[in-house]
């Protein structure tokens, strides 16, 4: 079981918390249909959640183009590397979509 699946009761933990958002999102959203925007962001958040989850973190919340993620404190180094990988893969994924 993972850190996240063991959280069944309210408890306190030390976490590394990180945020991300996309440069140019508003310009993109203004010129894109609602259906296309939703499809793009759903795919992007699926990718980012996968990257963060594989590193031991969790994508906690998304809103518009932003994401909030958390990692157990002992995985802080992995979390930082995961955010860097998120940027690398996320940029490539978005560029591929045009």
PDB file of N, CA and C in Angstrom:
ATOM      1  N   UNK A   1       0.837  -1.187   0.000  1.00  0.00           N
ATOM      2  CA  UNK A   1       0.000   0.000   0.000  1.00  0.00           C
ATOM      3  C   UNK A   1       0.877   1.245   0.000  1.00  0.00           C
ATOM      4  N   UNK A   2       0.342   2.298  -0.527  1.00  0.00           N
ATOM      5  CA  UNK A   2       1.106   3.537  -0.601  1.00  0.00           C
ATOM      6  C   UNK A   2       0.746   4.457   0.567  1.00  0.00           C
ATOM      7  N   UNK A   3       1.515   5.479   0.724  1.00  0.00           N
ATOM      8  CA  UNK A   3       1.245   6.515   1.721  1.00  0.00           C
ATOM      9  C   UNK A   3      -0.187   7.016   1.581  1.00  0.00           C
ATOM     10  N   UNK A   4      -0.618   7.218   0.340  1.00  0.00           N
ATOM     11  CA  UNK A   4      -1.928   7.829   0.093  1.00  0.00           C
ATOM     12  C   UNK A   4      -3.074   6.876   0.392  1.00  0.00           C
ATOM     13  N   UNK A   5      -2.936   5.601   0.110  1.00  0.00           N
ATOM     14  CA  UNK A   5      -4.033   4.668   0.368  1.00  0.00           C
ATOM     15  C   UNK A   5      -4.142   4.326   1.851  1.00  0.00           C
ATOM     16  N   UNK A   6      -3.100   4.568   2.619  1.00  0.00           N
ATOM     17  CA  UNK A   6      -3.141   4.326   4.058  1.00  0.00           C
ATOM     18  C   UNK A   6      -3.808   5.459   4.823  1.00  0.00           C
ATOM     19  N   UNK A   7      -4.137   6.558   4.168  1.00  0.00           N
ATOM     20  CA  UNK A   7      -4.784   7.689   4.840  1.00  0.00           C
ATOM     21  C   UNK A   7      -6.292   7.436   4.912  1.00  0.00           C
ATOM     22  N   UNK A   8      -6.716   6.781   5.959  1.00  0.00           N
ATOM     23  CA  UNK A   8      -8.142   6.470   6.093  1.00  0.00           C
ATOM     24  C   UNK A   8      -8.817   7.306   7.176  1.00  0.00           C
ATOM     25  N   UNK A   9      -8.050   7.859   8.080  1.00  0.00           N
ATOM     26  CA  UNK A   9      -8.585   8.700   9.149  1.00  0.00           C
ATOM     27  C   UNK A   9      -7.892  10.054   9.112  1.00  0.00           C
ATOM     28  N   UNK A  10      -8.556  11.100   9.604  1.00  0.00           N
ATOM     29  CA  UNK A  10      -7.884  12.403   9.672  1.00  0.00           C
ATOM     30  C   UNK A  10      -6.579  12.282  10.456  1.00  0.00           C
ATOM     31  N   UNK A  11      -5.540  12.882   9.936  1.00  0.00           N
ATOM     32  CA  UNK A  11      -4.226  12.822  10.579  1.00  0.00           C
ATOM     33  C   UNK A  11      -3.384  13.987  10.093  1.00  0.00           C
ATOM     34  N   UNK A  12      -2.272  14.207  10.770  1.00  0.00           N
ATOM     35  CA  UNK A  12      -1.340  15.257  10.382  1.00  0.00           C
ATOM     36  C   UNK A  12      -0.080  14.625   9.816  1.00  0.00           C
ATOM     37  N   UNK A  13       0.407  15.213   8.719  1.00  0.00           N
ATOM     38  CA  UNK A  13       1.640  14.747   8.084  1.00  0.00           C
ATOM     39  C   UNK A  13       2.404  15.948   7.556  1.00  0.00           C
ATOM     40  N   UNK A  14       3.702  15.832   7.512  1.00  0.00           N
ATOM     41  CA  UNK A  14       4.547  16.846   6.885  1.00  0.00           C
ATOM     42  C   UNK A  14       4.619  16.497   5.407  1.00  0.00           C
ATOM     43  N   UNK A  15       4.281  17.464   4.559  1.00  0.00           N
ATOM     44  CA  UNK A  15       4.241  17.245   3.115  1.00  0.00           C
ATOM     45  C   UNK A  15       5.054  18.299   2.381  1.00  0.00           C
ATOM     46  N   UNK A  16       5.532  17.937   1.212  1.00  0.00           N
ATOM     47  CA  UNK A  16       6.042  18.915   0.270  1.00  0.00           C
ATOM     48  C   UNK A  16       4.882  19.216  -0.674  1.00  0.00           C
ATOM     49  N   UNK A  17       4.522  20.479  -0.795  1.00  0.00           N
ATOM     50  CA  UNK A  17       3.401  20.881  -1.636  1.00  0.00           C
ATOM     51  C   UNK A  17       3.941  21.740  -2.773  1.00  0.00           C
ATOM     52  N   UNK A  18       3.443  21.479  -3.977  1.00  0.00           N
ATOM     53  CA  UNK A  18       3.871  22.258  -5.137  1.00  0.00           C
ATOM     54  C   UNK A  18       2.687  22.617  -6.013  1.00  0.00           C
ATOM     55  N   UNK A  19       2.857  23.673  -6.772  1.00  0.00           N
ATOM     56  CA  UNK A  19       1.838  24.172  -7.680  1.00  0.00           C
ATOM     57  C   UNK A  19       2.434  24.320  -9.069  1.00  0.00           C
ATOM     58  N   UNK A  20       1.593  24.246 -10.090  1.00  0.00           N
ATOM     59  CA  UNK A  20       2.034  24.566 -11.438  1.00  0.00           C
ATOM     60  C   UNK A  20       0.882  25.182 -12.210  1.00  0.00           C
ATOM     61  N   UNK A  21       1.239  25.952 -13.220  1.00  0.00           N
ATOM     62  CA  UNK A  21       0.251  26.464 -14.161  1.00  0.00           C
ATOM     63  C   UNK A  21       0.918  26.635 -15.514  1.00  0.00           C
ATOM     64  N   UNK A  22       0.111  26.929 -16.527  1.00  0.00           N
ATOM     65  CA  UNK A  22       0.610  27.000 -17.898  1.00  0.00           C
ATOM     66  C   UNK A  22       0.749  28.441 -18.366  1.00  0.00           C
ATOM     67  N   UNK A  23       1.877  28.744 -18.960  1.00  0.00           N
ATOM     68  CA  UNK A  23       2.086  30.037 -19.584  1.00  0.00           C
ATOM     69  C   UNK A  23       1.258  30.106 -20.867  1.00  0.00           C
ATOM     70  N   UNK A  24       0.530  31.187 -21.060  1.00  0.00           N
ATOM     71  CA  UNK A  24      -0.243  31.372 -22.285  1.00  0.00           C
ATOM     72  C   UNK A  24      -1.604  30.700 -22.285  1.00  0.00           C
ATOM     73  N   UNK A  25      -2.032  30.179 -21.151  1.00  0.00           N
ATOM     74  CA  UNK A  25      -3.306  29.460 -21.087  1.00  0.00           C
ATOM     75  C   UNK A  25      -4.485  30.360 -21.458  1.00  0.00           C
ATOM     76  N   UNK A  26      -4.524  31.557 -20.951  1.00  0.00           N
ATOM     77  CA  UNK A  26      -5.664  32.447 -21.215  1.00  0.00           C
ATOM     78  C   UNK A  26      -5.783  32.731 -22.706  1.00  0.00           C
ATOM     79  N   UNK A  27      -4.669  33.019 -23.366  1.00  0.00           N
ATOM     80  CA  UNK A  27      -4.703  33.259 -24.817  1.00  0.00           C
ATOM     81  C   UNK A  27      -5.228  32.026 -25.550  1.00  0.00           C
ATOM     82  N   UNK A  28      -4.755  30.850 -25.145  1.00  0.00           N
ATOM     83  CA  UNK A  28      -5.201  29.605 -25.763  1.00  0.00           C
ATOM     84  C   UNK A  28      -6.698  29.390 -25.516  1.00  0.00           C
ATOM     85  N   UNK A  29      -7.133  29.604 -24.295  1.00  0.00           N
ATOM     86  CA  UNK A  29      -8.541  29.375 -23.938  1.00  0.00           C
ATOM     87  C   UNK A  29      -9.475  30.308 -24.694  1.00  0.00           C
ATOM     88  N   UNK A  30      -9.041  31.526 -24.941  1.00  0.00           N
ATOM     89  CA  UNK A  30      -9.886  32.508 -25.636  1.00  0.00           C
ATOM     90  C   UNK A  30     -10.132  32.134 -27.093  1.00  0.00           C
ATOM     91  N   UNK A  31      -9.218  31.403 -27.704  1.00  0.00           N
ATOM     92  CA  UNK A  31      -9.354  31.080 -29.128  1.00  0.00           C
ATOM     93  C   UNK A  31      -9.740  29.617 -29.377  1.00  0.00           C
ATOM     94  N   UNK A  32     -10.032  28.864 -28.315  1.00  0.00           N
ATOM     95  CA  UNK A  32     -10.303  27.437 -28.419  1.00  0.00           C
ATOM     96  C   UNK A  32     -11.739  27.154 -27.991  1.00  0.00           C
ATOM     97  N   UNK A  33     -12.397  26.244 -28.685  1.00  0.00           N
ATOM     98  CA  UNK A  33     -13.761  25.875 -28.299  1.00  0.00           C
ATOM     99  C   UNK A  33     -13.742  25.227 -26.913  1.00  0.00           C
ATOM    100  N   UNK A  34     -14.865  25.308 -26.227  1.00  0.00           N
ATOM    101  CA  UNK A  34     -14.955  24.738 -24.880  1.00  0.00           C
ATOM    102  C   UNK A  34     -14.668  23.239 -24.890  1.00  0.00           C
ATOM    103  N   UNK A  35     -15.191  22.525 -25.887  1.00  0.00           N
ATOM    104  CA  UNK A  35     -14.974  21.081 -25.964  1.00  0.00           C
ATOM    105  C   UNK A  35     -13.498  20.751 -26.179  1.00  0.00           C
ATOM    106  N   UNK A  36     -12.835  21.501 -27.059  1.00  0.00           N
ATOM    107  CA  UNK A  36     -11.411  21.255 -27.310  1.00  0.00           C
ATOM    108  C   UNK A  36     -10.565  21.611 -26.090  1.00  0.00           C
ATOM    109  N   UNK A  37     -10.930  22.691 -25.420  1.00  0.00           N
ATOM    110  CA  UNK A  37     -10.198  23.102 -24.222  1.00  0.00           C
ATOM    111  C   UNK A  37     -10.340  22.040 -23.132  1.00  0.00           C
ATOM    112  N   UNK A  38     -11.544  21.549 -22.934  1.00  0.00           N
ATOM    113  CA  UNK A  38     -11.771  20.519 -21.934  1.00  0.00           C
ATOM    114  C   UNK A  38     -10.991  19.249 -22.269  1.00  0.00           C
ATOM    115  N   UNK A  39     -10.997  18.846 -23.519  1.00  0.00           N
ATOM    116  CA  UNK A  39     -10.261  17.646 -23.926  1.00  0.00           C
ATOM    117  C   UNK A  39      -8.756  17.819 -23.707  1.00  0.00           C
ATOM    118  N   UNK A  40      -8.245  18.980 -24.045  1.00  0.00           N
ATOM    119  CA  UNK A  40      -6.815  19.245 -23.867  1.00  0.00           C
ATOM    120  C   UNK A  40      -6.437  19.198 -22.395  1.00  0.00           C
ATOM    121  N   UNK A  41      -7.190  19.899 -21.569  1.00  0.00           N
ATOM    122  CA  UNK A  41      -6.827  19.958 -20.157  1.00  0.00           C
ATOM    123  C   UNK A  41      -7.052  18.618 -19.453  1.00  0.00           C
ATOM    124  N   UNK A  42      -8.078  17.874 -19.842  1.00  0.00           N
ATOM    125  CA  UNK A  42      -8.290  16.549 -19.256  1.00  0.00           C
ATOM    126  C   UNK A  42      -7.102  15.643 -19.576  1.00  0.00           C
ATOM    127  N   UNK A  43      -6.631  15.682 -20.809  1.00  0.00           N
ATOM    128  CA  UNK A  43      -5.466  14.893 -21.194  1.00  0.00           C
ATOM    129  C   UNK A  43      -4.212  15.336 -20.476  1.00  0.00           C
ATOM    130  N   UNK A  44      -4.041  16.647 -20.356  1.00  0.00           N
ATOM    131  CA  UNK A  44      -2.860  17.194 -19.681  1.00  0.00           C
ATOM    132  C   UNK A  44      -2.848  16.797 -18.209  1.00  0.00           C
ATOM    133  N   UNK A  45      -3.988  16.926 -17.537  1.00  0.00           N
ATOM    134  CA  UNK A  45      -4.039  16.566 -16.123  1.00  0.00           C
ATOM    135  C   UNK A  45      -3.904  15.061 -15.916  1.00  0.00           C
ATOM    136  N   UNK A  46      -4.352  14.275 -16.869  1.00  0.00           N
ATOM    137  CA  UNK A  46      -4.125  12.825 -16.785  1.00  0.00           C
ATOM    138  C   UNK A  46      -2.628  12.547 -16.821  1.00  0.00           C
ATOM    139  N   UNK A  47      -1.926  13.185 -17.752  1.00  0.00           N
ATOM    140  CA  UNK A  47      -0.476  13.020 -17.865  1.00  0.00           C
ATOM    141  C   UNK A  47       0.235  13.487 -16.605  1.00  0.00           C
ATOM    142  N   UNK A  48      -0.093  14.680 -16.127  1.00  0.00           N
ATOM    143  CA  UNK A  48       0.612  15.219 -14.962  1.00  0.00           C
ATOM    144  C   UNK A  48       0.319  14.399 -13.707  1.00  0.00           C
ATOM    145  N   UNK A  49      -0.925  13.940 -13.557  1.00  0.00           N
ATOM    146  CA  UNK A  49      -1.245  13.091 -12.415  1.00  0.00           C
ATOM    147  C   UNK A  49      -0.463  11.791 -12.430  1.00  0.00           C
ATOM    148  N   UNK A  50      -0.281  11.237 -13.625  1.00  0.00           N
ATOM    149  CA  UNK A  50       0.486   9.992 -13.778  1.00  0.00           C
ATOM    150  C   UNK A  50       1.948  10.213 -13.394  1.00  0.00           C
ATOM    151  N   UNK A  51       2.540  11.282 -13.882  1.00  0.00           N
ATOM    152  CA  UNK A  51       3.949  11.581 -13.578  1.00  0.00           C
ATOM    153  C   UNK A  51       4.139  11.764 -12.078  1.00  0.00           C
ATOM    154  N   UNK A  52       3.284  12.556 -11.457  1.00  0.00           N
ATOM    155  CA  UNK A  52       3.397  12.819 -10.024  1.00  0.00           C
ATOM    156  C   UNK A  52       3.137  11.553  -9.216  1.00  0.00           C
ATOM    157  N   UNK A  53       2.140  10.775  -9.618  1.00  0.00           N
ATOM    158  CA  UNK A  53       1.813   9.544  -8.905  1.00  0.00           C
ATOM    159  C   UNK A  53       2.925   8.520  -8.967  1.00  0.00           C
ATOM    160  N   UNK A  54       3.550   8.388 -10.125  1.00  0.00           N
ATOM    161  CA  UNK A  54       4.651   7.429 -10.273  1.00  0.00           C
ATOM    162  C   UNK A  54       5.841   7.794  -9.384  1.00  0.00           C
ATOM    163  N   UNK A  55       5.961   9.067  -9.026  1.00  0.00           N
ATOM    164  CA  UNK A  55       7.057   9.516  -8.161  1.00  0.00           C
ATOM    165  C   UNK A  55       6.665   9.465  -6.684  1.00  0.00           C
ATOM    166  N   UNK A  56       5.438   9.012  -6.389  1.00  0.00           N
ATOM    167  CA  UNK A  56       5.004   8.901  -5.000  1.00  0.00           C
ATOM    168  C   UNK A  56       4.148  10.044  -4.511  1.00  0.00           C
ATOM    169  N   UNK A  57       3.803  10.955  -5.404  1.00  0.00           N
ATOM    170  CA  UNK A  57       2.976  12.096  -5.012  1.00  0.00           C
ATOM    171  C   UNK A  57       1.541  11.927  -5.429  1.00  0.00           C
ATOM    172  N   UNK A  58       0.785  12.973  -5.263  1.00  0.00           N
ATOM    173  CA  UNK A  58      -0.618  12.952  -5.645  1.00  0.00           C
ATOM    174  C   UNK A  58      -1.007  14.324  -6.174  1.00  0.00           C
ATOM    175  N   UNK A  59      -1.658  14.319  -7.322  1.00  0.00           N
ATOM    176  CA  UNK A  59      -2.271  15.535  -7.854  1.00  0.00           C
ATOM    177  C   UNK A  59      -3.546  15.738  -7.054  1.00  0.00           C
ATOM    178  N   UNK A  60      -3.566  16.748  -6.211  1.00  0.00           N
ATOM    179  CA  UNK A  60      -4.650  16.951  -5.255  1.00  0.00           C
ATOM    180  C   UNK A  60      -5.822  17.680  -5.881  1.00  0.00           C
ATOM    181  N   UNK A  61      -5.531  18.724  -6.671  1.00  0.00           N
ATOM    182  CA  UNK A  61      -6.594  19.571  -7.193  1.00  0.00           C
ATOM    183  C   UNK A  61      -6.134  20.234  -8.480  1.00  0.00           C
ATOM    184  N   UNK A  62      -7.084  20.397  -9.392  1.00  0.00           N
ATOM    185  CA  UNK A  62      -6.817  21.162 -10.606  1.00  0.00           C
ATOM    186  C   UNK A  62      -7.883  22.244 -10.730  1.00  0.00           C
ATOM    187  N   UNK A  63      -7.509  23.339 -11.361  1.00  0.00           N
ATOM    188  CA  UNK A  63      -8.446  24.425 -11.609  1.00  0.00           C
ATOM    189  C   UNK A  63      -7.924  25.210 -12.805  1.00  0.00           C
ATOM    190  N   UNK A  64      -8.699  25.224 -13.884  1.00  0.00           N
ATOM    191  CA  UNK A  64      -8.250  25.908 -15.097  1.00  0.00           C
ATOM    192  C   UNK A  64      -7.010  25.233 -15.635  1.00  0.00           C
ATOM    193  N   UNK A  65      -5.897  25.951 -15.554  1.00  0.00           N
ATOM    194  CA  UNK A  65      -4.631  25.406 -16.039  1.00  0.00           C
ATOM    195  C   UNK A  65      -3.674  25.073 -14.900  1.00  0.00           C
ATOM    196  N   UNK A  66      -4.134  25.157 -13.670  1.00  0.00           N
ATOM    197  CA  UNK A  66      -3.254  25.003 -12.515  1.00  0.00           C
ATOM    198  C   UNK A  66      -3.466  23.659 -11.830  1.00  0.00           C
ATOM    199  N   UNK A  67      -2.403  23.193 -11.200  1.00  0.00           N
ATOM    200  CA  UNK A  67      -2.471  21.968 -10.430  1.00  0.00           C
ATOM    201  C   UNK A  67      -1.785  22.147  -9.091  1.00  0.00           C
ATOM    202  N   UNK A  68      -2.318  21.470  -8.092  1.00  0.00           N
ATOM    203  CA  UNK A  68      -1.756  21.439  -6.744  1.00  0.00           C
ATOM    204  C   UNK A  68      -1.412  19.993  -6.453  1.00  0.00           C
ATOM    205  N   UNK A  69      -0.185  19.738  -6.054  1.00  0.00           N
ATOM    206  CA  UNK A  69       0.261  18.372  -5.784  1.00  0.00           C
ATOM    207  C   UNK A  69       0.967  18.313  -4.439  1.00  0.00           C
ATOM    208  N   UNK A  70       1.004  17.112  -3.860  1.00  0.00           N
ATOM    209  CA  UNK A  70       1.670  16.918  -2.580  1.00  0.00           C
ATOM    210  C   UNK A  70       2.464  15.620  -2.611  1.00  0.00           C
ATOM    211  N   UNK A  71       3.547  15.621  -1.842  1.00  0.00           N
ATOM    212  CA  UNK A  71       4.410  14.461  -1.657  1.00  0.00           C
ATOM    213  C   UNK A  71       4.701  14.315  -0.173  1.00  0.00           C
ATOM    214  N   UNK A  72       4.794  13.082   0.326  1.00  0.00           N
ATOM    215  CA  UNK A  72       5.272  12.907   1.696  1.00  0.00           C
ATOM    216  C   UNK A  72       6.652  13.561   1.824  1.00  0.00           C
ATOM    217  N   UNK A  73       6.943  14.124   2.980  1.00  0.00           N
ATOM    218  CA  UNK A  73       8.201  14.866   3.172  1.00  0.00           C
ATOM    219  C   UNK A  73       9.421  14.039   2.800  1.00  0.00           C
ATOM    220  N   UNK A  74       9.390  12.737   3.085  1.00  0.00           N
ATOM    221  CA  UNK A  74      10.569  11.913   2.785  1.00  0.00           C
ATOM    222  C   UNK A  74      10.776  11.718   1.285  1.00  0.00           C
ATOM    223  N   UNK A  75       9.797  12.116   0.480  1.00  0.00           N
ATOM    224  CA  UNK A  75       9.929  12.037  -0.982  1.00  0.00           C
ATOM    225  C   UNK A  75      10.078  13.419  -1.620  1.00  0.00           C
ATOM    226  N   UNK A  76      10.514  14.393  -0.840  1.00  0.00           N
ATOM    227  CA  UNK A  76      10.642  15.758  -1.365  1.00  0.00           C
ATOM    228  C   UNK A  76      11.575  15.818  -2.573  1.00  0.00           C
ATOM    229  N   UNK A  77      12.704  15.135  -2.519  1.00  0.00           N
ATOM    230  CA  UNK A  77      13.629  15.146  -3.661  1.00  0.00           C
ATOM    231  C   UNK A  77      12.957  14.548  -4.895  1.00  0.00           C
ATOM    232  N   UNK A  78      12.271  13.439  -4.720  1.00  0.00           N
ATOM    233  CA  UNK A  78      11.534  12.830  -5.834  1.00  0.00           C
ATOM    234  C   UNK A  78      10.460  13.775  -6.349  1.00  0.00           C
ATOM    235  N   UNK A  79       9.843  14.508  -5.439  1.00  0.00           N
ATOM    236  CA  UNK A  79       8.812  15.467  -5.831  1.00  0.00           C
ATOM    237  C   UNK A  79       9.356  16.576  -6.709  1.00  0.00           C
ATOM    238  N   UNK A  80      10.495  17.114  -6.331  1.00  0.00           N
ATOM    239  CA  UNK A  80      11.113  18.169  -7.140  1.00  0.00           C
ATOM    240  C   UNK A  80      11.460  17.632  -8.528  1.00  0.00           C
ATOM    241  N   UNK A  81      12.040  16.449  -8.569  1.00  0.00           N
ATOM    242  CA  UNK A  81      12.376  15.848  -9.862  1.00  0.00           C
ATOM    243  C   UNK A  81      11.112  15.556 -10.679  1.00  0.00           C
ATOM    244  N   UNK A  82      10.044  15.155 -10.014  1.00  0.00           N
ATOM    245  CA  UNK A  82       8.789  14.885 -10.718  1.00  0.00           C
ATOM    246  C   UNK A  82       8.219  16.164 -11.326  1.00  0.00           C
ATOM    247  N   UNK A  83       8.299  17.277 -10.612  1.00  0.00           N
ATOM    248  CA  UNK A  83       7.833  18.550 -11.173  1.00  0.00           C
ATOM    249  C   UNK A  83       8.668  18.956 -12.380  1.00  0.00           C
ATOM    250  N   UNK A  84       9.944  18.698 -12.332  1.00  0.00           N
ATOM    251  CA  UNK A  84      10.795  18.997 -13.492  1.00  0.00           C
ATOM    252  C   UNK A  84      10.422  18.101 -14.674  1.00  0.00           C
ATOM    253  N   UNK A  85      10.156  16.828 -14.391  1.00  0.00           N
ATOM    254  CA  UNK A  85       9.738  15.902 -15.442  1.00  0.00           C
ATOM    255  C   UNK A  85       8.360  16.278 -15.980  1.00  0.00           C
ATOM    256  N   UNK A  86       7.494  16.725 -15.101  1.00  0.00           N
ATOM    257  CA  UNK A  86       6.177  17.198 -15.504  1.00  0.00           C
ATOM    258  C   UNK A  86       6.321  18.343 -16.514  1.00  0.00           C
ATOM    259  N   UNK A  87       7.229  19.254 -16.236  1.00  0.00           N
ATOM    260  CA  UNK A  87       7.440  20.369 -17.165  1.00  0.00           C
ATOM    261  C   UNK A  87       7.970  19.866 -18.505  1.00  0.00           C
ATOM    262  N   UNK A  88       8.939  18.953 -18.468  1.00  0.00           N
ATOM    263  CA  UNK A  88       9.529  18.447 -19.705  1.00  0.00           C
ATOM    264  C   UNK A  88       8.491  17.684 -20.536  1.00  0.00           C
ATOM    265  N   UNK A  89       7.853  16.698 -19.925  1.00  0.00           N
ATOM    266  CA  UNK A  89       6.881  15.894 -20.659  1.00  0.00           C
ATOM    267  C   UNK A  89       5.618  16.688 -20.991  1.00  0.00           C
ATOM    268  N   UNK A  90       5.193  17.538 -20.072  1.00  0.00           N
ATOM    269  CA  UNK A  90       4.006  18.339 -20.303  1.00  0.00           C
ATOM    270  C   UNK A  90       4.189  19.289 -21.478  1.00  0.00           C
ATOM    271  N   UNK A  91       5.351  19.946 -21.538  1.00  0.00           N
ATOM    272  CA  UNK A  91       5.639  20.839 -22.669  1.00  0.00           C
ATOM    273  C   UNK A  91       5.630  20.065 -23.982  1.00  0.00           C
ATOM    274  N   UNK A  92       6.256  18.900 -23.990  1.00  0.00           N
ATOM    275  CA  UNK A  92       6.308  18.081 -25.212  1.00  0.00           C
ATOM    276  C   UNK A  92       4.892  17.649 -25.610  1.00  0.00           C
ATOM    277  N   UNK A  93       4.085  17.243 -24.639  1.00  0.00           N
ATOM    278  CA  UNK A  93       2.714  16.804 -24.902  1.00  0.00           C
ATOM    279  C   UNK A  93       1.882  17.956 -25.476  1.00  0.00           C
ATOM    280  N   UNK A  94       1.989  19.122 -24.882  1.00  0.00           N
ATOM    281  CA  UNK A  94       1.230  20.274 -25.380  1.00  0.00           C
ATOM    282  C   UNK A  94       1.711  20.712 -26.758  1.00  0.00           C
ATOM    283  N   UNK A  95       3.011  20.696 -26.987  1.00  0.00           N
ATOM    284  CA  UNK A  95       3.527  21.051 -28.312  1.00  0.00           C
ATOM    285  C   UNK A  95       3.035  20.083 -29.368  1.00  0.00           C
ATOM    286  N   UNK A  96       2.969  18.812 -29.025  1.00  0.00           N
ATOM    287  CA  UNK A  96       2.476  17.796 -29.964  1.00  0.00           C
ATOM    288  C   UNK A  96       1.017  18.060 -30.326  1.00  0.00           C
ATOM    289  N   UNK A  97       0.244  18.567 -29.384  1.00  0.00           N
ATOM    290  CA  UNK A  97      -1.176  18.893 -29.629  1.00  0.00           C
ATOM    291  C   UNK A  97      -1.336  20.213 -30.376  1.00  0.00           C
ATOM    292  N   UNK A  98      -0.250  20.937 -30.524  1.00  0.00           N
ATOM    293  CA  UNK A  98      -0.325  22.192 -31.261  1.00  0.00           C
ATOM    294  C   UNK A  98      -0.671  23.369 -30.385  1.00  0.00           C
TER     295      UNK A  98
END
